[in-house]
Amino acid sequence: MRDYVVVTGASRGLGLAVCRQLLLDGYSVVAVARALTDELKVLSEKYTDDLKFSALDLSQTDELPEFCQRLIKEFGRPYALINNAASGHDGVLATMPNEEIGNLLELNIQAPILLSKYLVRSMMLNRRGRIINISSIIAKTGFNGLSVYAATKAALEGFSRSLAREVGKAGITVNCVAPGYLKTDMTSELTGEKLKSIERRSPLGQLANVEDVAHMVSYLLSEKADRVTGTVMTVDAGSTA
């Protein structure tokens, strides 16, 4: 098996696009998601040898240590981890149930931290590796109704900067990619004038797409980014310029 990359939230949207791009780049991919979607199944049938699906509900954080052990036992030490899986419940904080807040914190920040903890050990043994955490421009700009989501993404960026310092001497880079508004399931409710107003913020007059973000992930995994670490790469068609 070639160098393999673990991609979470791989069943659709951005995660699926990242898997597709990495396969084109020549990596093997372990796609992690709760369920195998039709789109991911089609991709796995095309890349039978290099795309493996592994079912996991990342909100079940107590299962993550054993899951990482299984990955390493079955596929060897990973080259990279892409922490993409996340959820963003749209709701005002004052009325958001505590359970919902807890779920967001577990999936969006605790799961990436734990996956990084258990998989970076193998990267340190290899003296090479990459961790890429998918953040969001909302970590810096804020957005009405997404305060908890924004908090988790801001935490992910702080985590990435500090981890980059911890593991840099072992030849491992840690970065964030912060997409703007993309046309995915998470933003499917953005239509009409609301969507147009977001598009108008961009100097390009359009939204970035999942392929744009996948290309940034591809760059950060490559040798061209050997000395890029501890930073946030924004892909938003210039909307935050």
Protein backbone atom coordinates (compact mmCIF):
# COMPACT_ATOMS: atom_id res chain seq x y z
CA MET A 1 0.00 0.00 0.00
CA ARG A 2 1.28 3.45 -0.90
CA ASP A 3 1.45 6.30 1.62
CA TYR A 4 -2.03 6.45 3.02
CA VAL A 5 -4.10 9.31 4.31
CA VAL A 6 -6.95 9.10 6.81
CA VAL A 7 -9.86 11.37 5.85
CA THR A 8 -12.80 11.84 8.23
CA GLY A 9 -16.26 12.93 7.13
CA ALA A 10 -15.41 11.30 3.82
CA SER A 11 -18.83 10.18 2.66
CA ARG A 12 -19.97 13.39 0.94
CA GLY A 13 -19.27 17.03 0.20
CA LEU A 14 -15.79 18.29 1.01
CA GLY A 15 -14.56 15.02 2.49
CA LEU A 16 -15.51 13.13 -0.66
CA ALA A 17 -13.81 15.75 -2.85
CA VAL A 18 -10.64 15.47 -0.76
CA CYS A 19 -10.66 11.68 -1.14
CA ARG A 20 -11.06 12.00 -4.90
CA GLN A 21 -8.21 14.49 -5.20
CA LEU A 22 -5.82 12.47 -3.04
CA LEU A 23 -6.46 9.35 -5.09
CA LEU A 24 -5.63 11.34 -8.22
CA ASP A 25 -2.44 12.48 -6.46
CA GLY A 26 -1.37 8.88 -5.96
CA TYR A 27 -2.13 8.39 -2.27
CA SER A 28 -4.07 5.54 -0.75
CA VAL A 29 -7.01 6.72 1.34
CA VAL A 30 -8.84 5.38 4.36
CA ALA A 31 -12.24 7.07 4.22
CA VAL A 32 -13.90 7.39 7.63
CA ALA A 33 -17.62 8.12 7.98
CA ARG A 34 -20.69 6.84 9.78
CA ALA A 35 -22.06 5.18 6.66
CA LEU A 36 -21.02 4.30 3.12
CA THR A 37 -22.90 6.62 0.76
CA ASP A 38 -23.62 5.81 -2.87
CA GLU A 39 -21.10 8.44 -3.99
CA LEU A 40 -18.31 7.01 -1.85
CA LYS A 41 -19.19 3.49 -2.94
CA VAL A 42 -18.81 4.46 -6.60
CA LEU A 43 -15.42 6.00 -5.85
CA SER A 44 -14.30 2.92 -3.90
CA GLU A 45 -15.28 0.66 -6.80
CA LYS A 46 -13.14 2.77 -9.13
CA TYR A 47 -10.15 2.67 -6.78
CA THR A 48 -10.54 -0.81 -5.32
CA ASP A 49 -6.95 -1.14 -4.16
CA ASP A 50 -6.39 2.38 -2.87
CA LEU A 51 -9.62 3.45 -1.19
CA LYS A 52 -10.77 1.66 1.93
CA PHE A 53 -13.89 2.58 3.88
CA SER A 54 -13.94 2.42 7.67
CA ALA A 55 -17.24 3.01 9.47
CA LEU A 56 -17.11 5.09 12.65
CA ASP A 57 -19.29 7.57 14.50
CA LEU A 58 -16.69 10.12 15.57
CA SER A 59 -18.97 11.51 18.25
CA GLN A 60 -18.36 8.25 20.14
CA THR A 61 -15.00 9.50 21.35
CA ASP A 62 -14.36 6.57 23.69
CA GLU A 63 -14.02 4.34 20.61
CA LEU A 64 -11.25 6.39 19.01
CA PRO A 65 -8.18 4.82 20.70
CA GLU A 66 -9.17 1.31 19.62
CA PHE A 67 -10.12 2.57 16.16
CA CYS A 68 -6.66 4.10 15.64
CA GLN A 69 -5.00 0.88 16.81
CA ARG A 70 -7.04 -1.08 14.24
CA LEU A 71 -6.07 1.31 11.45
CA ILE A 72 -2.37 0.98 12.20
CA LYS A 73 -2.59 -2.80 12.53
CA GLU A 74 -4.43 -3.16 9.22
CA PHE A 75 -2.80 -0.48 7.08
CA GLY A 76 0.43 0.44 8.83
CA ARG A 77 1.51 3.89 9.94
CA PRO A 78 -0.38 6.70 8.20
CA TYR A 79 1.32 9.50 6.32
CA ALA A 80 -1.40 12.02 7.07
CA LEU A 81 -4.66 12.74 8.87
CA ILE A 82 -7.32 15.07 7.49
CA ASN A 83 -9.76 16.04 10.25
CA ASN A 84 -12.72 17.09 8.15
CA ALA A 85 -15.78 15.67 9.91
CA ALA A 86 -17.85 18.35 11.63
CA SER A 87 -21.38 19.44 12.32
CA GLY A 88 -22.84 22.94 12.50
CA HIS A 89 -26.27 23.14 14.11
CA ASP A 90 -27.89 26.44 13.24
CA GLY A 91 -29.41 27.87 16.40
CA VAL A 92 -29.26 30.76 18.83
CA LEU A 93 -27.12 29.89 21.86
CA ALA A 94 -29.76 31.01 24.38
CA THR A 95 -32.17 28.30 23.21
CA MET A 96 -29.73 25.59 22.14
CA PRO A 97 -30.07 22.39 24.23
CA ASN A 98 -27.02 21.55 26.34
CA GLU A 99 -26.90 18.10 24.81
CA GLU A 100 -26.60 19.63 21.34
CA ILE A 101 -23.76 21.87 22.53
CA GLY A 102 -21.98 18.84 23.98
CA ASN A 103 -22.37 16.90 20.74
CA LEU A 104 -20.83 19.73 18.73
CA LEU A 105 -17.87 19.97 21.09
CA GLU A 106 -17.28 16.20 20.92
CA LEU A 107 -17.45 15.90 17.14
CA ASN A 108 -15.85 19.18 16.09
CA ILE A 109 -12.97 19.50 18.53
CA GLN A 110 -12.56 16.53 20.89
CA ALA A 111 -12.58 13.92 18.09
CA PRO A 112 -9.91 15.71 15.98
CA ILE A 113 -7.72 16.15 19.06
CA LEU A 114 -7.96 12.47 20.00
CA LEU A 115 -7.40 11.23 16.45
CA SER A 116 -4.36 13.47 16.21
CA LYS A 117 -3.08 12.19 19.56
CA TYR A 118 -3.22 8.53 18.62
CA LEU A 119 -2.11 8.79 14.98
CA VAL A 120 0.67 11.35 15.41
CA ARG A 121 2.59 8.79 17.46
CA SER A 122 3.07 6.67 14.35
CA MET A 123 4.06 9.72 12.32
CA MET A 124 6.69 10.57 14.94
CA LEU A 125 8.15 7.06 14.59
CA ASN A 126 8.30 7.62 10.83
CA ARG A 127 9.84 11.09 11.31
CA ARG A 128 7.42 12.45 8.72
CA GLY A 129 3.74 13.22 8.46
CA ARG A 130 0.96 15.73 7.98
CA ILE A 131 -2.09 16.74 9.99
CA ILE A 132 -4.61 19.02 8.30
CA ASN A 133 -7.59 20.29 10.26
CA ILE A 134 -10.53 21.71 8.35
CA SER A 135 -11.57 24.95 10.01
CA SER A 136 -13.86 27.69 8.67
CA ILE A 137 -13.73 31.42 8.04
CA ILE A 138 -16.47 31.61 10.70
CA ALA A 139 -13.74 31.02 13.31
CA LYS A 140 -12.69 34.60 12.63
CA THR A 141 -15.70 36.35 11.12
CA GLY A 142 -18.50 34.90 13.26
CA PHE A 143 -22.00 34.21 12.01
CA ASN A 144 -25.43 34.61 13.58
CA GLY A 145 -26.70 31.28 14.92
CA LEU A 146 -23.36 29.49 14.70
CA SER A 147 -21.64 30.60 17.90
CA VAL A 148 -20.82 27.10 19.16
CA TYR A 149 -19.68 25.97 15.72
CA ALA A 150 -17.46 29.07 15.49
CA ALA A 151 -16.02 28.33 18.94
CA THR A 152 -15.06 24.79 17.93
CA LYS A 153 -13.34 25.98 14.76
CA ALA A 154 -11.43 28.71 16.60
CA ALA A 155 -10.33 26.07 19.12
CA LEU A 156 -9.19 23.82 16.27
CA GLU A 157 -6.98 26.60 14.90
CA GLY A 158 -5.37 27.23 18.29
CA PHE A 159 -4.83 23.50 18.75
CA SER A 160 -3.17 23.25 15.34
CA ARG A 161 -0.70 26.06 16.02
CA SER A 162 0.44 24.58 19.32
CA LEU A 163 0.61 21.01 18.01
CA ALA A 164 2.74 22.25 15.10
CA ARG A 165 5.31 23.39 17.66
CA GLU A 166 5.17 20.08 19.53
CA VAL A 167 5.79 17.81 16.55
CA GLY A 168 7.74 19.96 14.10
CA LYS A 169 11.13 18.57 15.09
CA ALA A 170 9.80 15.10 14.20
CA GLY A 171 9.25 16.22 10.60
CA ILE A 172 5.48 16.62 10.97
CA THR A 173 3.52 19.66 9.81
CA VAL A 174 0.16 20.72 11.23
CA ASN A 175 -2.05 23.21 9.42
CA CYS A 176 -5.64 24.33 9.06
CA VAL A 177 -7.61 24.96 5.91
CA ALA A 178 -10.43 27.46 6.37
CA PRO A 179 -13.04 27.28 3.63
CA GLY A 180 -15.54 30.02 3.05
CA TYR A 181 -19.14 29.23 2.17
CA LEU A 182 -19.20 26.19 -0.09
CA LYS A 183 -22.04 24.57 -1.97
CA THR A 184 -22.42 21.51 0.28
CA ASP A 185 -25.16 19.89 2.36
CA MET A 186 -24.15 22.04 5.33
CA THR A 187 -24.96 25.23 3.38
CA SER A 188 -27.91 23.86 1.40
CA GLU A 189 -30.30 26.29 3.11
CA LEU A 190 -28.41 29.27 1.67
CA THR A 191 -30.62 30.21 -1.26
CA GLY A 192 -32.10 33.24 -2.93
CA GLU A 193 -31.06 36.67 -1.68
CA LYS A 194 -29.11 35.21 1.26
CA LEU A 195 -26.90 33.26 -1.14
CA LYS A 196 -26.53 36.22 -3.49
CA SER A 197 -25.44 38.50 -0.66
CA ILE A 198 -22.67 36.07 0.27
CA GLU A 199 -21.58 35.80 -3.36
CA ARG A 200 -21.42 39.60 -3.61
CA ARG A 201 -18.87 39.71 -0.76
CA SER A 202 -16.40 37.87 -2.95
CA PRO A 203 -14.19 39.91 -5.30
CA LEU A 204 -14.74 37.07 -7.76
CA GLY A 205 -18.52 37.25 -7.43
CA GLN A 206 -18.85 33.56 -6.65
CA LEU A 207 -18.37 30.96 -3.93
CA ALA A 208 -15.38 28.68 -3.68
CA ASN A 209 -16.15 25.01 -4.31
CA VAL A 210 -15.09 21.78 -2.66
CA GLU A 211 -12.53 21.10 -5.36
CA ASP A 212 -10.77 24.39 -4.55
CA VAL A 213 -10.40 23.31 -0.93
CA ALA A 214 -9.29 19.81 -1.95
CA HIS A 215 -6.52 21.38 -4.05
CA MET A 216 -5.27 23.26 -0.97
CA VAL A 217 -5.24 20.01 1.03
CA SER A 218 -3.30 18.41 -1.82
CA TYR A 219 -0.71 21.18 -1.70
CA LEU A 220 -0.25 20.93 2.08
CA LEU A 221 0.35 17.18 1.77
CA SER A 222 2.95 17.64 -0.92
CA GLU A 223 6.71 18.20 -0.68
CA LYS A 224 6.08 21.76 -1.88
CA ALA A 225 4.65 22.49 1.60
CA ASP A 226 7.47 20.91 3.59
CA ARG A 227 8.08 24.18 5.43
CA VAL A 228 4.48 25.31 5.82
CA THR A 229 3.21 24.61 9.33
CA GLY A 230 1.23 26.18 12.14
CA THR A 231 -0.86 28.32 9.83
CA VAL A 232 -4.37 28.70 8.42
CA MET A 233 -4.87 28.61 4.66
CA THR A 234 -8.08 30.39 3.66
CA VAL A 235 -10.04 29.30 0.58
CA ASP A 236 -13.04 31.60 0.28
CA ALA A 237 -12.90 33.27 -3.13
CA GLY A 238 -11.67 36.39 -1.34
CA SER A 239 -14.81 37.01 0.69
CA THR A 240 -12.81 37.88 3.83
CA ALA A 241 -10.35 40.14 1.99
